PDB file of all heavy atoms in Angstrom:
ATOM      1  N   ILE A   1      -7.401  59.678  -5.855  1.00  0.00           N
ATOM      2  CA  ILE A   1      -8.540  60.577  -6.150  1.00  0.00           C
ATOM      3  C   ILE A   1      -9.833  59.795  -6.135  1.00  0.00           C
ATOM      4  O   ILE A   1     -10.863  60.263  -5.574  1.00  0.00           O
ATOM      5  CB  ILE A   1      -8.320  61.244  -7.525  1.00  0.00           C
ATOM      6  CG1 ILE A   1      -7.086  62.105  -7.504  1.00  0.00           C
ATOM      7  CG2 ILE A   1      -9.526  62.097  -7.883  1.00  0.00           C
ATOM      8  CD1 ILE A   1      -6.660  62.594  -8.895  1.00  0.00           C
ATOM      9  N   ILE A   2      -9.827  58.626  -6.731  1.00  0.00           N
ATOM     10  CA  ILE A   2     -11.043  57.772  -6.785  1.00  0.00           C
ATOM     11  C   ILE A   2     -11.606  57.523  -5.367  1.00  0.00           C
ATOM     12  O   ILE A   2     -12.796  57.644  -5.107  1.00  0.00           O
ATOM     13  CB  ILE A   2     -10.760  56.492  -7.553  1.00  0.00           C
ATOM     14  CG1 ILE A   2     -10.481  56.747  -9.007  1.00  0.00           C
ATOM     15  CG2 ILE A   2     -11.899  55.463  -7.351  1.00  0.00           C
ATOM     16  CD1 ILE A   2      -9.851  55.565  -9.765  1.00  0.00           C
ATOM     17  N   GLU A   3     -10.715  57.110  -4.490  1.00  0.00           N
ATOM     18  CA  GLU A   3     -11.144  56.765  -3.132  1.00  0.00           C
ATOM     19  C   GLU A   3     -11.626  57.991  -2.394  1.00  0.00           C
ATOM     20  O   GLU A   3     -12.636  57.961  -1.697  1.00  0.00           O
ATOM     21  CB  GLU A   3      -9.969  56.092  -2.385  1.00  0.00           C
ATOM     22  CG  GLU A   3     -10.348  55.554  -1.037  1.00  0.00           C
ATOM     23  CD  GLU A   3      -9.218  54.828  -0.369  1.00  0.00           C
ATOM     24  OE1 GLU A   3      -8.050  55.265  -0.501  1.00  0.00           O
ATOM     25  OE2 GLU A   3      -9.468  53.795   0.299  1.00  0.00           O
ATOM     26  N   ARG A   4     -10.869  59.098  -2.492  1.00  0.00           N
ATOM     27  CA  ARG A   4     -11.227  60.302  -1.759  1.00  0.00           C
ATOM     28  C   ARG A   4     -12.559  60.861  -2.210  1.00  0.00           C
ATOM     29  O   ARG A   4     -13.351  61.393  -1.425  1.00  0.00           O
ATOM     30  CB  ARG A   4     -10.118  61.342  -1.953  1.00  0.00           C
ATOM     31  CG  ARG A   4     -10.429  62.723  -1.392  1.00  0.00           C
ATOM     32  CD  ARG A   4      -9.177  63.553  -1.260  1.00  0.00           C
ATOM     33  NE  ARG A   4      -8.416  63.644  -2.496  1.00  0.00           N
ATOM     34  CZ  ARG A   4      -8.646  64.571  -3.433  1.00  0.00           C
ATOM     35  NH1 ARG A   4      -9.594  65.478  -3.266  1.00  0.00           N
ATOM     36  NH2 ARG A   4      -7.914  64.636  -4.509  1.00  0.00           N
ATOM     37  N   CYS A   5     -12.853  60.737  -3.505  1.00  0.00           N
ATOM     38  CA  CYS A   5     -14.057  61.368  -4.063  1.00  0.00           C
ATOM     39  C   CYS A   5     -15.211  60.401  -4.224  1.00  0.00           C
ATOM     40  O   CYS A   5     -16.287  60.797  -4.679  1.00  0.00           O
ATOM     41  CB  CYS A   5     -13.714  61.993  -5.436  1.00  0.00           C
ATOM     42  SG  CYS A   5     -12.434  63.246  -5.391  1.00  0.00           S
ATOM     43  N   GLY A   6     -15.014  59.137  -3.887  1.00  0.00           N
ATOM     44  CA  GLY A   6     -16.119  58.172  -4.000  1.00  0.00           C
ATOM     45  C   GLY A   6     -16.538  57.832  -5.390  1.00  0.00           C
ATOM     46  O   GLY A   6     -17.728  57.660  -5.672  1.00  0.00           O
ATOM     47  N   MET A   7     -15.596  57.780  -6.346  1.00  0.00           N
ATOM     48  CA  MET A   7     -15.887  57.608  -7.741  1.00  0.00           C
ATOM     49  C   MET A   7     -15.989  56.118  -8.077  1.00  0.00           C
ATOM     50  O   MET A   7     -15.048  55.483  -8.501  1.00  0.00           O
ATOM     51  CB  MET A   7     -14.827  58.290  -8.609  1.00  0.00           C
ATOM     52  CG  MET A   7     -14.708  59.774  -8.415  1.00  0.00           C
ATOM     53  SD  MET A   7     -13.252  60.415  -9.298  1.00  0.00           S
ATOM     54  CE  MET A   7     -13.605  62.176  -9.242  1.00  0.00           C
ATOM     55  N   LYS A   8     -17.171  55.580  -7.911  1.00  0.00           N
ATOM     56  CA  LYS A   8     -17.344  54.118  -8.109  1.00  0.00           C
ATOM     57  C   LYS A   8     -17.141  53.706  -9.584  1.00  0.00           C
ATOM     58  O   LYS A   8     -16.714  52.591  -9.857  1.00  0.00           O
ATOM     59  CB  LYS A   8     -18.748  53.706  -7.648  1.00  0.00           C
ATOM     60  CG  LYS A   8     -18.925  53.791  -6.141  1.00  0.00           C
ATOM     61  CD  LYS A   8     -20.320  53.293  -5.744  1.00  0.00           C
ATOM     62  CE  LYS A   8     -20.485  53.319  -4.223  1.00  0.00           C
ATOM     63  NZ  LYS A   8     -21.800  52.858  -3.793  1.00  0.00           N
ATOM     64  N   LEU A   9     -17.489  54.588 -10.521  1.00  0.00           N
ATOM     65  CA  LEU A   9     -17.344  54.272 -11.897  1.00  0.00           C
ATOM     66  C   LEU A   9     -15.853  53.985 -12.223  1.00  0.00           C
ATOM     67  O   LEU A   9     -15.492  52.955 -12.816  1.00  0.00           O
ATOM     68  CB  LEU A   9     -17.865  55.420 -12.794  1.00  0.00           C
ATOM     69  CG  LEU A   9     -18.023  55.096 -14.273  1.00  0.00           C
ATOM     70  CD1 LEU A   9     -19.365  54.405 -14.524  1.00  0.00           C
ATOM     71  CD2 LEU A   9     -17.929  56.330 -15.137  1.00  0.00           C
ATOM     72  N   TYR A  10     -15.007  54.938 -11.794  1.00  0.00           N
ATOM     73  CA  TYR A  10     -13.584  54.779 -12.047  1.00  0.00           C
ATOM     74  C   TYR A  10     -12.980  53.709 -11.167  1.00  0.00           C
ATOM     75  O   TYR A  10     -11.905  53.143 -11.505  1.00  0.00           O
ATOM     76  CB  TYR A  10     -12.886  56.107 -11.854  1.00  0.00           C
ATOM     77  CG  TYR A  10     -13.393  57.229 -12.773  1.00  0.00           C
ATOM     78  CD1 TYR A  10     -13.535  58.526 -12.282  1.00  0.00           C
ATOM     79  CD2 TYR A  10     -13.786  56.938 -14.096  1.00  0.00           C
ATOM     80  CE1 TYR A  10     -14.034  59.516 -13.092  1.00  0.00           C
ATOM     81  CE2 TYR A  10     -14.276  57.943 -14.903  1.00  0.00           C
ATOM     82  CZ  TYR A  10     -14.405  59.215 -14.406  1.00  0.00           C
ATOM     83  OH  TYR A  10     -14.889  60.197 -15.207  1.00  0.00           O
ATOM     84  N   ALA A  11     -13.598  53.424  -9.993  1.00  0.00           N
ATOM     85  CA  ALA A  11     -13.096  52.349  -9.135  1.00  0.00           C
ATOM     86  C   ALA A  11     -13.146  51.024  -9.874  1.00  0.00           C
ATOM     87  O   ALA A  11     -12.252  50.211  -9.755  1.00  0.00           O
ATOM     88  CB  ALA A  11     -13.905  52.302  -7.842  1.00  0.00           C
ATOM     89  N   LEU A  12     -14.198  50.831 -10.652  1.00  0.00           N
ATOM     90  CA  LEU A  12     -14.335  49.611 -11.453  1.00  0.00           C
ATOM     91  C   LEU A  12     -13.232  49.517 -12.481  1.00  0.00           C
ATOM     92  O   LEU A  12     -12.598  48.459 -12.671  1.00  0.00           O
ATOM     93  CB  LEU A  12     -15.715  49.532 -12.091  1.00  0.00           C
ATOM     94  CG  LEU A  12     -15.988  48.328 -13.018  1.00  0.00           C
ATOM     95  CD1 LEU A  12     -15.712  47.004 -12.294  1.00  0.00           C
ATOM     96  CD2 LEU A  12     -17.438  48.354 -13.500  1.00  0.00           C
ATOM     97  N   ASP A  13     -12.998  50.622 -13.196  1.00  0.00           N
ATOM     98  CA  ASP A  13     -11.895  50.651 -14.174  1.00  0.00           C
ATOM     99  C   ASP A  13     -10.570  50.305 -13.504  1.00  0.00           C
ATOM    100  O   ASP A  13      -9.755  49.573 -14.040  1.00  0.00           O
ATOM    101  CB  ASP A  13     -11.788  52.044 -14.843  1.00  0.00           C
ATOM    102  CG  ASP A  13     -13.042  52.367 -15.666  1.00  0.00           C
ATOM    103  OD1 ASP A  13     -13.745  51.399 -16.101  1.00  0.00           O
ATOM    104  OD2 ASP A  13     -13.299  53.543 -15.898  1.00  0.00           O
ATOM    105  N   TYR A  14     -10.367  50.909 -12.346  1.00  0.00           N
ATOM    106  CA  TYR A  14      -9.137  50.677 -11.571  1.00  0.00           C
ATOM    107  C   TYR A  14      -8.974  49.204 -11.235  1.00  0.00           C
ATOM    108  O   TYR A  14      -7.913  48.614 -11.395  1.00  0.00           O
ATOM    109  CB  TYR A  14      -9.150  51.510 -10.312  1.00  0.00           C
ATOM    110  CG  TYR A  14      -8.056  51.150  -9.305  1.00  0.00           C
ATOM    111  CD1 TYR A  14      -6.797  51.687  -9.375  1.00  0.00           C
ATOM    112  CD2 TYR A  14      -8.321  50.214  -8.290  1.00  0.00           C
ATOM    113  CE1 TYR A  14      -5.818  51.298  -8.501  1.00  0.00           C
ATOM    114  CE2 TYR A  14      -7.340  49.831  -7.400  1.00  0.00           C
ATOM    115  CZ  TYR A  14      -6.097  50.369  -7.519  1.00  0.00           C
ATOM    116  OH  TYR A  14      -5.111  50.015  -6.636  1.00  0.00           O
ATOM    117  N   LEU A  15     -10.049  48.571 -10.758  1.00  0.00           N
ATOM    118  CA  LEU A  15      -9.965  47.163 -10.335  1.00  0.00           C
ATOM    119  C   LEU A  15      -9.563  46.272 -11.507  1.00  0.00           C
ATOM    120  O   LEU A  15      -8.772  45.331 -11.327  1.00  0.00           O
ATOM    121  CB  LEU A  15     -11.291  46.721  -9.760  1.00  0.00           C
ATOM    122  CG  LEU A  15     -11.683  47.299  -8.398  1.00  0.00           C
ATOM    123  CD1 LEU A  15     -13.139  46.966  -8.081  1.00  0.00           C
ATOM    124  CD2 LEU A  15     -10.760  46.784  -7.309  1.00  0.00           C
ATOM    125  N   LEU A  16     -10.108  46.524 -12.659  1.00  0.00           N
ATOM    126  CA  LEU A  16      -9.803  45.683 -13.824  1.00  0.00           C
ATOM    127  C   LEU A  16      -8.361  45.868 -14.299  1.00  0.00           C
ATOM    128  O   LEU A  16      -7.674  44.865 -14.660  1.00  0.00           O
ATOM    129  CB  LEU A  16     -10.756  45.983 -14.971  1.00  0.00           C
ATOM    130  CG  LEU A  16     -12.228  45.579 -14.717  1.00  0.00           C
ATOM    131  CD1 LEU A  16     -13.115  46.068 -15.862  1.00  0.00           C
ATOM    132  CD2 LEU A  16     -12.327  44.056 -14.576  1.00  0.00           C
ATOM    133  N   ILE A  17      -7.861  47.114 -14.274  1.00  0.00           N
ATOM    134  CA  ILE A  17      -6.469  47.376 -14.722  1.00  0.00           C
ATOM    135  C   ILE A  17      -5.492  46.887 -13.684  1.00  0.00           C
ATOM    136  O   ILE A  17      -4.498  46.221 -13.947  1.00  0.00           O
ATOM    137  CB  ILE A  17      -6.264  48.846 -15.085  1.00  0.00           C
ATOM    138  CG1 ILE A  17      -7.224  49.298 -16.204  1.00  0.00           C
ATOM    139  CG2 ILE A  17      -4.816  49.118 -15.488  1.00  0.00           C
ATOM    140  CD1 ILE A  17      -7.268  50.789 -16.442  1.00  0.00           C
ATOM    141  N   HIS A  18      -5.744  47.261 -12.416  1.00  0.00           N
ATOM    142  CA  HIS A  18      -4.869  46.848 -11.320  1.00  0.00           C
ATOM    143  C   HIS A  18      -4.862  45.305 -11.157  1.00  0.00           C
ATOM    144  O   HIS A  18      -3.860  44.729 -10.774  1.00  0.00           O
ATOM    145  CB  HIS A  18      -5.256  47.527 -10.014  1.00  0.00           C
ATOM    146  CG  HIS A  18      -4.240  47.368  -8.914  1.00  0.00           C
ATOM    147  ND1 HIS A  18      -4.336  46.404  -7.941  1.00  0.00           N
ATOM    148  CD2 HIS A  18      -3.075  48.052  -8.661  1.00  0.00           C
ATOM    149  CE1 HIS A  18      -3.281  46.490  -7.137  1.00  0.00           C
ATOM    150  NE2 HIS A  18      -2.511  47.485  -7.562  1.00  0.00           N
ATOM    151  N   GLY A  19      -6.021  44.726 -11.474  1.00  0.00           N
ATOM    152  CA  GLY A  19      -6.073  43.252 -11.431  1.00  0.00           C
ATOM    153  C   GLY A  19      -5.095  42.631 -12.407  1.00  0.00           C
ATOM    154  O   GLY A  19      -4.431  41.614 -12.075  1.00  0.00           O
ATOM    155  N   ARG A  20      -5.026  43.187 -13.620  1.00  0.00           N
ATOM    156  CA  ARG A  20      -4.108  42.680 -14.613  1.00  0.00           C
ATOM    157  C   ARG A  20      -2.638  42.945 -14.154  1.00  0.00           C
ATOM    158  O   ARG A  20      -1.751  42.096 -14.376  1.00  0.00           O
ATOM    159  CB  ARG A  20      -4.357  43.314 -15.962  1.00  0.00           C
ATOM    160  CG  ARG A  20      -5.605  42.809 -16.622  1.00  0.00           C
ATOM    161  CD  ARG A  20      -6.010  43.647 -17.820  1.00  0.00           C
ATOM    162  NE  ARG A  20      -4.908  44.047 -18.650  1.00  0.00           N
ATOM    163  CZ  ARG A  20      -4.774  45.273 -19.138  1.00  0.00           C
ATOM    164  NH1 ARG A  20      -5.637  46.208 -18.860  1.00  0.00           N
ATOM    165  NH2 ARG A  20      -3.739  45.525 -19.891  1.00  0.00           N
ATOM    166  N   TYR A  21      -2.426  44.111 -13.506  1.00  0.00           N
ATOM    167  CA  TYR A  21      -1.094  44.369 -12.935  1.00  0.00           C
ATOM    168  C   TYR A  21      -0.744  43.315 -11.891  1.00  0.00           C
ATOM    169  O   TYR A  21       0.419  42.824 -11.862  1.00  0.00           O
ATOM    170  CB  TYR A  21      -1.070  45.782 -12.318  1.00  0.00           C
ATOM    171  CG  TYR A  21       0.129  46.037 -11.454  1.00  0.00           C
ATOM    172  CD1 TYR A  21       1.331  46.441 -11.998  1.00  0.00           C
ATOM    173  CD2 TYR A  21       0.063  45.809 -10.058  1.00  0.00           C
ATOM    174  CE1 TYR A  21       2.440  46.648 -11.212  1.00  0.00           C
ATOM    175  CE2 TYR A  21       1.187  46.002  -9.274  1.00  0.00           C
ATOM    176  CZ  TYR A  21       2.375  46.417  -9.838  1.00  0.00           C
ATOM    177  OH  TYR A  21       3.484  46.640  -9.056  1.00  0.00           O
ATOM    178  N   CYS A  22      -1.668  42.951 -11.050  1.00  0.00           N
ATOM    179  CA  CYS A  22      -1.421  41.948 -10.034  1.00  0.00           C
ATOM    180  C   CYS A  22      -1.094  40.586 -10.663  1.00  0.00           C
ATOM    181  O   CYS A  22      -0.198  39.874 -10.194  1.00  0.00           O
ATOM    182  CB  CYS A  22      -2.647  41.794  -9.111  1.00  0.00           C
ATOM    183  SG  CYS A  22      -2.953  43.249  -8.075  1.00  0.00           S
ATOM    184  N   LEU A  23      -1.798  40.233 -11.732  1.00  0.00           N
ATOM    185  CA  LEU A  23      -1.446  38.997 -12.418  1.00  0.00           C
ATOM    186  C   LEU A  23      -0.054  39.029 -12.974  1.00  0.00           C
ATOM    187  O   LEU A  23       0.691  38.024 -12.933  1.00  0.00           O
ATOM    188  CB  LEU A  23      -2.480  38.728 -13.569  1.00  0.00           C
ATOM    189  CG  LEU A  23      -3.846  38.274 -13.168  1.00  0.00           C
ATOM    190  CD1 LEU A  23      -4.745  38.093 -14.408  1.00  0.00           C
ATOM    191  CD2 LEU A  23      -3.780  36.975 -12.375  1.00  0.00           C
ATOM    192  N   ALA A  24       0.361  40.161 -13.528  1.00  0.00           N
ATOM    193  CA  ALA A  24       1.746  40.289 -14.084  1.00  0.00           C
ATOM    194  C   ALA A  24       2.753  40.130 -12.996  1.00  0.00           C
ATOM    195  O   ALA A  24       3.937  39.786 -13.255  1.00  0.00           O
ATOM    196  CB  ALA A  24       1.872  41.642 -14.753  1.00  0.00           C
ATOM    197  N   ASN A  25       2.394  40.382 -11.701  1.00  0.00           N
ATOM    198  CA  ASN A  25       3.303  40.277 -10.601  1.00  0.00           C
ATOM    199  C   ASN A  25       3.038  39.019  -9.756  1.00  0.00           C
ATOM    200  O   ASN A  25       3.535  38.892  -8.633  1.00  0.00           O
ATOM    201  CB  ASN A  25       3.216  41.497  -9.691  1.00  0.00           C
ATOM    202  CG  ASN A  25       3.967  42.690 -10.269  1.00  0.00           C
ATOM    203  OD1 ASN A  25       5.204  42.798 -10.156  1.00  0.00           O
ATOM    204  ND2 ASN A  25       3.275  43.580 -10.944  1.00  0.00           N
ATOM    205  N   ALA A  26       2.192  38.119 -10.269  1.00  0.00           N
ATOM    206  CA  ALA A  26       1.863  36.842  -9.578  1.00  0.00           C
ATOM    207  C   ALA A  26       1.231  37.106  -8.226  1.00  0.00           C
ATOM    208  O   ALA A  26       1.330  36.247  -7.321  1.00  0.00           O
ATOM    209  CB  ALA A  26       3.096  35.938  -9.494  1.00  0.00           C
ATOM    210  N   ASP A  27       0.558  38.221  -8.071  1.00  0.00           N
ATOM    211  CA  ASP A  27      -0.154  38.520  -6.819  1.00  0.00           C
ATOM    212  C   ASP A  27      -1.606  38.028  -7.027  1.00  0.00           C
ATOM    213  O   ASP A  27      -2.517  38.810  -7.241  1.00  0.00           O
ATOM    214  CB  ASP A  27      -0.147  40.006  -6.517  1.00  0.00           C
ATOM    215  CG  ASP A  27      -0.825  40.363  -5.195  1.00  0.00           C
ATOM    216  OD1 ASP A  27      -1.380  39.459  -4.523  1.00  0.00           O
ATOM    217  OD2 ASP A  27      -0.900  41.564  -4.858  1.00  0.00           O
ATOM    218  N   PHE A  28      -1.778  36.716  -6.985  1.00  0.00           N
ATOM    219  CA  PHE A  28      -3.034  36.146  -7.358  1.00  0.00           C
ATOM    220  C   PHE A  28      -4.181  36.404  -6.378  1.00  0.00           C
ATOM    221  O   PHE A  28      -5.335  36.538  -6.756  1.00  0.00           O
ATOM    222  CB  PHE A  28      -2.875  34.618  -7.590  1.00  0.00           C
ATOM    223  CG  PHE A  28      -1.855  34.273  -8.658  1.00  0.00           C
ATOM    224  CD1 PHE A  28      -0.861  33.377  -8.445  1.00  0.00           C
ATOM    225  CD2 PHE A  28      -1.932  34.879  -9.888  1.00  0.00           C
ATOM    226  CE1 PHE A  28       0.093  33.079  -9.413  1.00  0.00           C
ATOM    227  CE2 PHE A  28      -1.042  34.589 -10.893  1.00  0.00           C
ATOM    228  CZ  PHE A  28      -0.011  33.687 -10.643  1.00  0.00           C
ATOM    229  N   ASP A  29      -3.851  36.488  -5.087  1.00  0.00           N
ATOM    230  CA  ASP A  29      -4.879  36.764  -4.080  1.00  0.00           C
ATOM    231  C   ASP A  29      -5.546  38.096  -4.350  1.00  0.00           C
ATOM    232  O   ASP A  29      -6.769  38.202  -4.312  1.00  0.00           O
ATOM    233  CB  ASP A  29      -4.266  36.757  -2.688  1.00  0.00           C
ATOM    234  CG  ASP A  29      -3.889  35.340  -2.214  1.00  0.00           C
ATOM    235  OD1 ASP A  29      -4.649  34.428  -2.525  1.00  0.00           O
ATOM    236  OD2 ASP A  29      -2.884  35.205  -1.537  1.00  0.00           O
ATOM    237  N   THR A  30      -4.755  39.143  -4.570  1.00  0.00           N
ATOM    238  CA  THR A  30      -5.299  40.465  -4.846  1.00  0.00           C
ATOM    239  C   THR A  30      -6.104  40.499  -6.131  1.00  0.00           C
ATOM    240  O   THR A  30      -7.181  41.090  -6.232  1.00  0.00           O
ATOM    241  CB  THR A  30      -4.202  41.532  -4.886  1.00  0.00           C
ATOM    242  OG1 THR A  30      -3.476  41.511  -3.649  1.00  0.00           O
ATOM    243  CG2 THR A  30      -4.765  42.933  -5.097  1.00  0.00           C
TER     244      THR A  30
END
């Protein structure tokens, strides 16, 4: 939804939460 609707505010929230998810999976590049 964020990408389709251009919601930059929620995109930032997504990046921070998904970033922590990536750390939990050792996906350090992402």
